[in-house]
């Protein structure tokens, strides 16, 4: 297997606070890898380091065998942040067109990608509306469409389904499976254990450390229980 993302002994400190502690794992090509843990566990900080928006205090991050940060890599990565980074004064379609323009897409391909991404997140009927009129869930859906706009090799999605209704959440996961089958690599953070079951590999994160990692089946078998939530608690994820 080819490593799409390789994290080697990453530490991150803000002042005297250790936010990430000796994080190391590998995400293989064509894999959905889940970072699971509560808010404040360090997932978003780690994701920002992988994308190149932040730097580790120690350790190394390689994406597609290239040391991060690297501007050229951004052409190959689709990133959905936890906080929506959208232009409220523009329409949904104008947002997608703007982000599509940042990549090396021909005009016809750009339009095709805009239609595909909008359709996937069920926003086609709302593309002419300004984003300031969108609900929170609609903004999350548009952010996901933006992450997919350039047909990236790697998708990095930080809590992608927060505020999205269950039916559309299933639809999005169905598309993530299709993208995985097409050879895409997907890193997703979530605090929802139901979504953890959908990942090929998991790392359970607590207080900046990885408590345990493996496939959902391996983790449940290791503890002899059928609930990933119970695995997390037994691995040390409970609040003290």
Foldseek 3Di string as FASTA:
>chain_A
DAFQKWWAQFWADDVPATQAGGDTDTFHWLFEEEAAADPSLNVQVVLCCQQQVDPTPDTWMDGNNHTPDDPVCVLQFQEQHPDQPFDQQAFLLVRLLVLLVVHPDDPVLQVVLSVVLCVLLVNPVRRRPGNVPDDPQVSLSSSSSSSPRSVHQEYEYEASCVPPDPVSVVSNLVVVNVSSVVGHTYYYYDHDQVVLLSGQKYFYTGSNYGLDIDGLVVLCVVVVHDGVVVSCVVSPNDDD
